[in-house]
Amino acid sequence: MSGIQPRLPHDWGTYRPPEITISMKSAEMVTDWTSVFNDLELKRPMTLGKELQQQARSQTIQNVAIKAQEGDRMMNIAAGEKNVFGRIAHERYMRNGQKEITVEAIPHQGVVIDFRVYPPEISVDPRGVLPK
């Protein structure tokens, strides 16, 4: 039996520190503004942009038509309209004068925020001391 030698690691009988592995996954945050947009009767940015573009286009066409009508009235003074320039100025003022603005700054419902925090994954290999 003296001829059989067990195969042992070279550090047999010495202290080996434990091995710790820690892996972390970053936290995630997701926000949902749907309730705020709906509560304030707001539109999504892309939809609002398209609607504003269409409104600007139709307003420009309308303004060109009004300017043409005013020019026709100024040109046709012989038709007998009195104080054409004063009336045009008064009509412009009435058309572009007062504006009413309502500001609602606080929605009844808030933003839905979803946080996802993941625990760290910790694995420990307690190697310790091997017996002699």
N, C-alpha and C. Protein backbone atom coordinates (compact mmCIF):
# COMPACT_ATOMS: atom_id res chain seq x y z
N MET A 1 0.79 -1.19 0.00
CA MET A 1 0.00 0.00 0.00
C MET A 1 0.83 1.26 0.00
N SER A 2 2.05 1.10 0.32
CA SER A 2 2.90 2.29 0.35
C SER A 2 3.16 2.82 -1.05
N GLY A 3 2.87 2.06 -2.06
CA GLY A 3 3.11 2.49 -3.43
C GLY A 3 1.98 3.33 -4.02
N ILE A 4 0.82 3.34 -3.38
CA ILE A 4 -0.30 4.12 -3.92
C ILE A 4 -0.30 5.50 -3.27
N GLN A 5 -0.16 6.48 -4.08
CA GLN A 5 -0.18 7.87 -3.60
C GLN A 5 -1.43 8.56 -4.14
N PRO A 6 -2.25 9.18 -3.27
CA PRO A 6 -3.43 9.89 -3.78
C PRO A 6 -2.99 11.16 -4.51
N ARG A 7 -3.76 11.50 -5.51
CA ARG A 7 -3.47 12.74 -6.24
C ARG A 7 -4.14 13.89 -5.49
N LEU A 8 -3.37 14.74 -4.95
CA LEU A 8 -3.85 15.89 -4.18
C LEU A 8 -3.38 17.17 -4.84
N PRO A 9 -4.19 18.23 -4.73
CA PRO A 9 -3.73 19.50 -5.28
C PRO A 9 -2.48 19.97 -4.56
N HIS A 10 -1.71 20.82 -5.24
CA HIS A 10 -0.45 21.29 -4.67
C HIS A 10 -0.66 22.16 -3.43
N ASP A 11 -1.87 22.76 -3.28
CA ASP A 11 -2.11 23.61 -2.12
C ASP A 11 -2.91 22.88 -1.03
N TRP A 12 -2.84 21.57 -1.02
CA TRP A 12 -3.57 20.76 -0.03
C TRP A 12 -3.08 21.09 1.37
N GLY A 13 -4.05 21.39 2.27
CA GLY A 13 -3.70 21.69 3.64
C GLY A 13 -3.46 23.16 3.90
N THR A 14 -3.60 24.00 2.91
CA THR A 14 -3.43 25.44 3.12
C THR A 14 -4.79 26.12 2.99
N TYR A 15 -4.86 27.33 3.52
CA TYR A 15 -6.12 28.08 3.48
C TYR A 15 -6.34 28.65 2.08
N ARG A 16 -7.56 28.47 1.57
CA ARG A 16 -7.95 29.08 0.30
C ARG A 16 -9.14 29.99 0.59
N PRO A 17 -9.06 31.27 0.24
CA PRO A 17 -10.17 32.19 0.54
C PRO A 17 -11.41 31.84 -0.28
N PRO A 18 -12.58 32.17 0.24
CA PRO A 18 -13.80 31.88 -0.52
C PRO A 18 -13.86 32.75 -1.78
N GLU A 19 -14.59 32.27 -2.73
CA GLU A 19 -14.74 32.98 -4.00
C GLU A 19 -16.17 33.52 -4.06
N ILE A 20 -16.30 34.83 -4.19
CA ILE A 20 -17.62 35.47 -4.25
C ILE A 20 -17.80 36.08 -5.62
N THR A 21 -18.93 35.80 -6.23
CA THR A 21 -19.28 36.37 -7.54
C THR A 21 -20.58 37.15 -7.38
N ILE A 22 -20.55 38.42 -7.73
CA ILE A 22 -21.73 39.28 -7.64
C ILE A 22 -22.02 39.84 -9.02
N SER A 23 -23.24 39.63 -9.48
CA SER A 23 -23.63 40.23 -10.76
C SER A 23 -24.87 41.09 -10.52
N MET A 24 -24.85 42.27 -11.11
CA MET A 24 -25.93 43.24 -10.92
C MET A 24 -26.61 43.51 -12.25
N LYS A 25 -27.92 43.73 -12.20
CA LYS A 25 -28.68 44.14 -13.36
C LYS A 25 -29.21 45.54 -13.07
N SER A 26 -29.04 46.46 -14.01
CA SER A 26 -29.45 47.84 -13.79
C SER A 26 -30.95 47.94 -13.59
N ALA A 27 -31.35 48.92 -12.78
CA ALA A 27 -32.78 49.17 -12.56
C ALA A 27 -33.39 49.76 -13.83
N GLU A 28 -34.69 49.56 -14.00
CA GLU A 28 -35.40 50.07 -15.17
C GLU A 28 -36.52 50.99 -14.71
N MET A 29 -36.77 52.05 -15.50
CA MET A 29 -37.87 52.95 -15.19
C MET A 29 -38.68 53.16 -16.47
N VAL A 30 -39.99 52.96 -16.38
CA VAL A 30 -40.88 53.15 -17.51
C VAL A 30 -41.95 54.15 -17.08
N THR A 31 -42.21 55.17 -17.91
CA THR A 31 -43.25 56.14 -17.58
C THR A 31 -44.38 56.05 -18.61
N ASP A 32 -45.60 56.25 -18.13
CA ASP A 32 -46.77 56.24 -18.99
C ASP A 32 -47.52 57.55 -18.77
N TRP A 33 -47.48 58.42 -19.76
CA TRP A 33 -48.10 59.75 -19.68
C TRP A 33 -49.51 59.76 -20.25
N THR A 34 -50.05 58.62 -20.63
CA THR A 34 -51.35 58.56 -21.30
C THR A 34 -52.45 59.22 -20.47
N SER A 35 -52.52 58.93 -19.17
CA SER A 35 -53.58 59.50 -18.34
C SER A 35 -53.46 61.01 -18.23
N VAL A 36 -52.24 61.54 -18.18
CA VAL A 36 -52.05 62.99 -18.10
C VAL A 36 -52.49 63.65 -19.40
N PHE A 37 -52.07 63.10 -20.54
CA PHE A 37 -52.47 63.65 -21.83
C PHE A 37 -53.98 63.61 -21.99
N ASN A 38 -54.61 62.50 -21.61
CA ASN A 38 -56.06 62.38 -21.74
C ASN A 38 -56.78 63.31 -20.78
N ASP A 39 -56.28 63.45 -19.55
CA ASP A 39 -56.92 64.29 -18.54
C ASP A 39 -56.90 65.76 -18.95
N LEU A 40 -55.80 66.21 -19.50
CA LEU A 40 -55.68 67.61 -19.94
C LEU A 40 -56.15 67.81 -21.36
N GLU A 41 -56.68 66.75 -21.96
CA GLU A 41 -57.16 66.78 -23.35
C GLU A 41 -56.05 67.26 -24.30
N LEU A 42 -54.86 66.74 -24.07
CA LEU A 42 -53.72 67.05 -24.91
C LEU A 42 -53.54 65.93 -25.93
N LYS A 43 -52.89 66.27 -26.99
CA LYS A 43 -52.63 65.27 -28.03
C LYS A 43 -51.16 64.86 -27.97
N ARG A 44 -50.88 63.76 -28.57
CA ARG A 44 -49.50 63.29 -28.67
C ARG A 44 -48.71 64.30 -29.51
N PRO A 45 -47.41 64.43 -29.26
CA PRO A 45 -46.62 65.43 -29.99
C PRO A 45 -46.71 65.32 -31.51
N MET A 46 -46.65 64.12 -32.07
CA MET A 46 -46.72 63.98 -33.53
C MET A 46 -48.09 64.38 -34.06
N THR A 47 -49.16 63.97 -33.37
CA THR A 47 -50.51 64.33 -33.79
C THR A 47 -50.72 65.83 -33.70
N LEU A 48 -50.24 66.43 -32.61
CA LEU A 48 -50.36 67.88 -32.44
C LEU A 48 -49.61 68.62 -33.53
N GLY A 49 -48.42 68.16 -33.87
CA GLY A 49 -47.65 68.79 -34.94
C GLY A 49 -48.37 68.76 -36.28
N LYS A 50 -48.96 67.62 -36.60
CA LYS A 50 -49.69 67.51 -37.86
C LYS A 50 -50.92 68.41 -37.88
N GLU A 51 -51.64 68.46 -36.74
CA GLU A 51 -52.82 69.33 -36.69
C GLU A 51 -52.45 70.80 -36.78
N LEU A 52 -51.36 71.20 -36.09
CA LEU A 52 -50.91 72.60 -36.16
C LEU A 52 -50.47 72.97 -37.58
N GLN A 53 -49.83 72.04 -38.26
CA GLN A 53 -49.42 72.27 -39.63
C GLN A 53 -50.64 72.49 -40.52
N GLN A 54 -51.66 71.67 -40.35
CA GLN A 54 -52.89 71.80 -41.14
C GLN A 54 -53.60 73.11 -40.81
N GLN A 55 -53.66 73.49 -39.53
CA GLN A 55 -54.29 74.75 -39.14
C GLN A 55 -53.54 75.94 -39.73
N ALA A 56 -52.20 75.90 -39.70
CA ALA A 56 -51.41 76.99 -40.25
C ALA A 56 -51.64 77.12 -41.76
N ARG A 57 -51.73 75.99 -42.43
CA ARG A 57 -51.96 75.99 -43.87
C ARG A 57 -53.33 76.62 -44.20
N SER A 58 -54.38 76.19 -43.48
CA SER A 58 -55.72 76.73 -43.75
C SER A 58 -55.81 78.20 -43.34
N GLN A 59 -55.13 78.59 -42.24
CA GLN A 59 -55.13 80.00 -41.82
C GLN A 59 -54.43 80.87 -42.86
N THR A 60 -53.36 80.38 -43.45
CA THR A 60 -52.65 81.14 -44.49
C THR A 60 -53.55 81.35 -45.71
N ILE A 61 -54.23 80.31 -46.12
CA ILE A 61 -55.14 80.42 -47.27
C ILE A 61 -56.25 81.42 -46.97
N GLN A 62 -56.79 81.36 -45.75
CA GLN A 62 -57.86 82.29 -45.35
C GLN A 62 -57.34 83.73 -45.32
N ASN A 63 -56.14 83.95 -44.80
CA ASN A 63 -55.57 85.31 -44.74
C ASN A 63 -55.32 85.87 -46.13
N VAL A 64 -54.87 85.03 -47.05
CA VAL A 64 -54.66 85.49 -48.43
C VAL A 64 -56.00 85.91 -49.04
N ALA A 65 -57.05 85.14 -48.79
CA ALA A 65 -58.38 85.48 -49.32
C ALA A 65 -58.88 86.80 -48.74
N ILE A 66 -58.69 87.01 -47.44
CA ILE A 66 -59.12 88.27 -46.81
C ILE A 66 -58.36 89.45 -47.38
N LYS A 67 -57.04 89.32 -47.55
CA LYS A 67 -56.24 90.40 -48.12
C LYS A 67 -56.70 90.73 -49.54
N ALA A 68 -57.04 89.72 -50.30
CA ALA A 68 -57.52 89.95 -51.66
C ALA A 68 -58.85 90.70 -51.65
N GLN A 69 -59.74 90.32 -50.75
CA GLN A 69 -61.03 91.01 -50.64
C GLN A 69 -60.83 92.46 -50.21
N GLU A 70 -59.93 92.69 -49.25
CA GLU A 70 -59.66 94.06 -48.81
C GLU A 70 -59.08 94.89 -49.94
N GLY A 71 -58.17 94.28 -50.70
CA GLY A 71 -57.59 94.99 -51.86
C GLY A 71 -58.65 95.34 -52.89
N ASP A 72 -59.58 94.42 -53.12
CA ASP A 72 -60.68 94.69 -54.06
C ASP A 72 -61.53 95.85 -53.56
N ARG A 73 -61.80 95.89 -52.26
CA ARG A 73 -62.61 96.98 -51.71
C ARG A 73 -61.89 98.31 -51.83
N MET A 74 -60.58 98.31 -51.57
CA MET A 74 -59.82 99.57 -51.67
C MET A 74 -59.74 100.04 -53.12
N MET A 75 -59.61 99.11 -54.01
CA MET A 75 -59.49 99.45 -55.42
C MET A 75 -60.82 99.98 -55.97
N ASN A 76 -61.92 99.53 -55.41
CA ASN A 76 -63.23 99.88 -55.93
C ASN A 76 -63.88 101.00 -55.10
N ILE A 77 -63.16 102.08 -54.90
CA ILE A 77 -63.68 103.22 -54.13
C ILE A 77 -64.87 103.83 -54.85
N ALA A 78 -64.89 103.73 -56.13
CA ALA A 78 -65.98 104.33 -56.91
C ALA A 78 -67.33 103.68 -56.64
N ALA A 79 -67.33 102.51 -56.01
CA ALA A 79 -68.59 101.82 -55.72
C ALA A 79 -69.41 102.56 -54.66
N GLY A 80 -68.79 103.49 -53.97
CA GLY A 80 -69.53 104.32 -53.03
C GLY A 80 -69.41 103.93 -51.58
N GLU A 81 -68.60 102.95 -51.26
CA GLU A 81 -68.42 102.59 -49.85
C GLU A 81 -67.63 103.71 -49.16
N LYS A 82 -68.20 104.23 -48.07
CA LYS A 82 -67.56 105.35 -47.38
C LYS A 82 -66.61 104.82 -46.30
N ASN A 83 -65.53 105.52 -46.15
CA ASN A 83 -64.53 105.21 -45.12
C ASN A 83 -64.04 103.76 -45.23
N VAL A 84 -63.63 103.38 -46.42
CA VAL A 84 -63.19 102.01 -46.69
C VAL A 84 -62.02 101.63 -45.80
N PHE A 85 -61.02 102.51 -45.70
CA PHE A 85 -59.82 102.18 -44.93
C PHE A 85 -60.14 102.05 -43.44
N GLY A 86 -60.99 102.90 -42.91
CA GLY A 86 -61.40 102.83 -41.51
C GLY A 86 -62.17 101.55 -41.21
N ARG A 87 -63.07 101.18 -42.12
CA ARG A 87 -63.85 99.95 -41.92
C ARG A 87 -62.96 98.70 -41.98
N ILE A 88 -62.03 98.71 -42.91
CA ILE A 88 -61.11 97.56 -43.02
C ILE A 88 -60.28 97.44 -41.75
N ALA A 89 -59.79 98.59 -41.23
CA ALA A 89 -59.00 98.56 -39.99
C ALA A 89 -59.85 98.07 -38.83
N HIS A 90 -61.12 98.51 -38.76
CA HIS A 90 -62.01 98.07 -37.68
C HIS A 90 -62.30 96.56 -37.80
N GLU A 91 -62.52 96.07 -38.99
CA GLU A 91 -62.78 94.64 -39.18
C GLU A 91 -61.56 93.80 -38.80
N ARG A 92 -60.37 94.29 -39.13
CA ARG A 92 -59.15 93.57 -38.75
C ARG A 92 -59.02 93.51 -37.23
N TYR A 93 -59.31 94.64 -36.58
CA TYR A 93 -59.22 94.66 -35.12
C TYR A 93 -60.22 93.67 -34.51
N MET A 94 -61.43 93.67 -34.98
CA MET A 94 -62.45 92.78 -34.43
C MET A 94 -62.11 91.31 -34.71
N ARG A 95 -61.50 91.05 -35.85
CA ARG A 95 -61.13 89.68 -36.21
C ARG A 95 -59.94 89.19 -35.39
N ASN A 96 -58.97 90.08 -35.15
CA ASN A 96 -57.73 89.67 -34.47
C ASN A 96 -57.61 90.21 -33.06
N GLY A 97 -58.63 90.84 -32.54
CA GLY A 97 -58.56 91.53 -31.25
C GLY A 97 -58.40 90.60 -30.06
N GLN A 98 -59.45 90.47 -29.27
CA GLN A 98 -59.37 89.74 -28.01
C GLN A 98 -59.29 88.23 -28.24
N LYS A 99 -58.52 87.62 -27.39
CA LYS A 99 -58.39 86.16 -27.38
C LYS A 99 -58.67 85.68 -25.97
N GLU A 100 -59.30 84.55 -25.85
CA GLU A 100 -59.56 83.97 -24.55
C GLU A 100 -58.69 82.74 -24.39
N ILE A 101 -58.00 82.69 -23.25
CA ILE A 101 -57.08 81.58 -22.98
C ILE A 101 -57.45 80.97 -21.63
N THR A 102 -57.58 79.67 -21.61
CA THR A 102 -57.81 78.94 -20.37
C THR A 102 -56.61 78.05 -20.13
N VAL A 103 -56.01 78.19 -18.95
CA VAL A 103 -54.83 77.39 -18.62
C VAL A 103 -55.19 76.45 -17.48
N GLU A 104 -55.06 75.17 -17.73
CA GLU A 104 -55.23 74.16 -16.70
C GLU A 104 -53.89 73.47 -16.55
N ALA A 105 -53.20 73.77 -15.45
CA ALA A 105 -51.83 73.30 -15.31
C ALA A 105 -51.69 72.00 -14.53
N ILE A 106 -52.70 71.65 -13.75
CA ILE A 106 -52.54 70.47 -12.91
C ILE A 106 -53.53 69.39 -13.35
N PRO A 107 -53.01 68.26 -13.80
CA PRO A 107 -53.92 67.17 -14.19
C PRO A 107 -54.51 66.50 -12.94
N HIS A 108 -55.65 65.88 -13.11
CA HIS A 108 -56.29 65.17 -12.00
C HIS A 108 -55.57 63.86 -11.71
N GLN A 109 -54.94 63.30 -12.71
CA GLN A 109 -54.20 62.05 -12.54
C GLN A 109 -52.75 62.31 -12.87
N GLY A 110 -51.88 61.62 -12.19
CA GLY A 110 -50.45 61.81 -12.41
C GLY A 110 -49.88 60.82 -13.41
N VAL A 111 -48.59 60.93 -13.60
CA VAL A 111 -47.86 60.04 -14.49
C VAL A 111 -47.70 58.68 -13.81
N VAL A 112 -47.87 57.63 -14.55
CA VAL A 112 -47.65 56.28 -14.02
C VAL A 112 -46.17 55.95 -14.23
N ILE A 113 -45.49 55.75 -13.12
CA ILE A 113 -44.05 55.45 -13.18
C ILE A 113 -43.85 54.04 -12.64
N ASP A 114 -43.20 53.22 -13.42
CA ASP A 114 -42.95 51.84 -13.04
C ASP A 114 -41.44 51.65 -12.88
N PHE A 115 -41.02 51.38 -11.65
CA PHE A 115 -39.62 51.09 -11.38
C PHE A 115 -39.46 49.59 -11.25
N ARG A 116 -38.44 49.07 -11.85
CA ARG A 116 -38.11 47.65 -11.69
C ARG A 116 -36.67 47.57 -11.19
N VAL A 117 -36.56 47.14 -9.95
CA VAL A 117 -35.24 47.00 -9.34
C VAL A 117 -34.99 45.51 -9.16
N TYR A 118 -33.87 45.07 -9.65
CA TYR A 118 -33.54 43.65 -9.60
C TYR A 118 -32.51 43.41 -8.49
N PRO A 119 -32.69 42.34 -7.71
CA PRO A 119 -31.71 42.05 -6.66
C PRO A 119 -30.41 41.54 -7.28
N PRO A 120 -29.31 41.76 -6.59
CA PRO A 120 -28.04 41.24 -7.11
C PRO A 120 -28.00 39.72 -6.99
N GLU A 121 -27.29 39.11 -7.89
CA GLU A 121 -27.10 37.67 -7.84
C GLU A 121 -25.72 37.42 -7.22
N ILE A 122 -25.74 36.77 -6.04
CA ILE A 122 -24.50 36.53 -5.30
C ILE A 122 -24.30 35.03 -5.17
N SER A 123 -23.13 34.59 -5.61
CA SER A 123 -22.80 33.16 -5.41
C SER A 123 -21.48 33.09 -4.64
N VAL A 124 -21.47 32.23 -3.62
CA VAL A 124 -20.30 32.09 -2.76
C VAL A 124 -19.80 30.64 -2.83
N ASP A 125 -18.50 30.51 -3.06
CA ASP A 125 -17.85 29.19 -3.04
C ASP A 125 -16.96 29.16 -1.79
N PRO A 126 -17.46 28.60 -0.67
CA PRO A 126 -16.68 28.64 0.59
C PRO A 126 -15.59 27.56 0.57
N ARG A 127 -14.50 27.87 -0.01
CA ARG A 127 -13.44 26.86 -0.16
C ARG A 127 -12.76 26.56 1.18
N GLY A 128 -12.41 27.58 1.93
CA GLY A 128 -11.85 27.39 3.27
C GLY A 128 -10.53 26.64 3.31
N VAL A 129 -10.35 25.84 4.39
CA VAL A 129 -9.09 25.11 4.60
C VAL A 129 -9.30 23.65 4.24
N LEU A 130 -8.38 23.15 3.47
CA LEU A 130 -8.41 21.72 3.15
C LEU A 130 -7.66 20.97 4.25
N PRO A 131 -8.17 19.82 4.67
CA PRO A 131 -7.49 19.09 5.76
C PRO A 131 -6.13 18.53 5.29
N LYS A 132 -5.25 18.36 6.27
CA LYS A 132 -3.92 17.82 5.96
C LYS A 132 -3.93 16.33 5.98
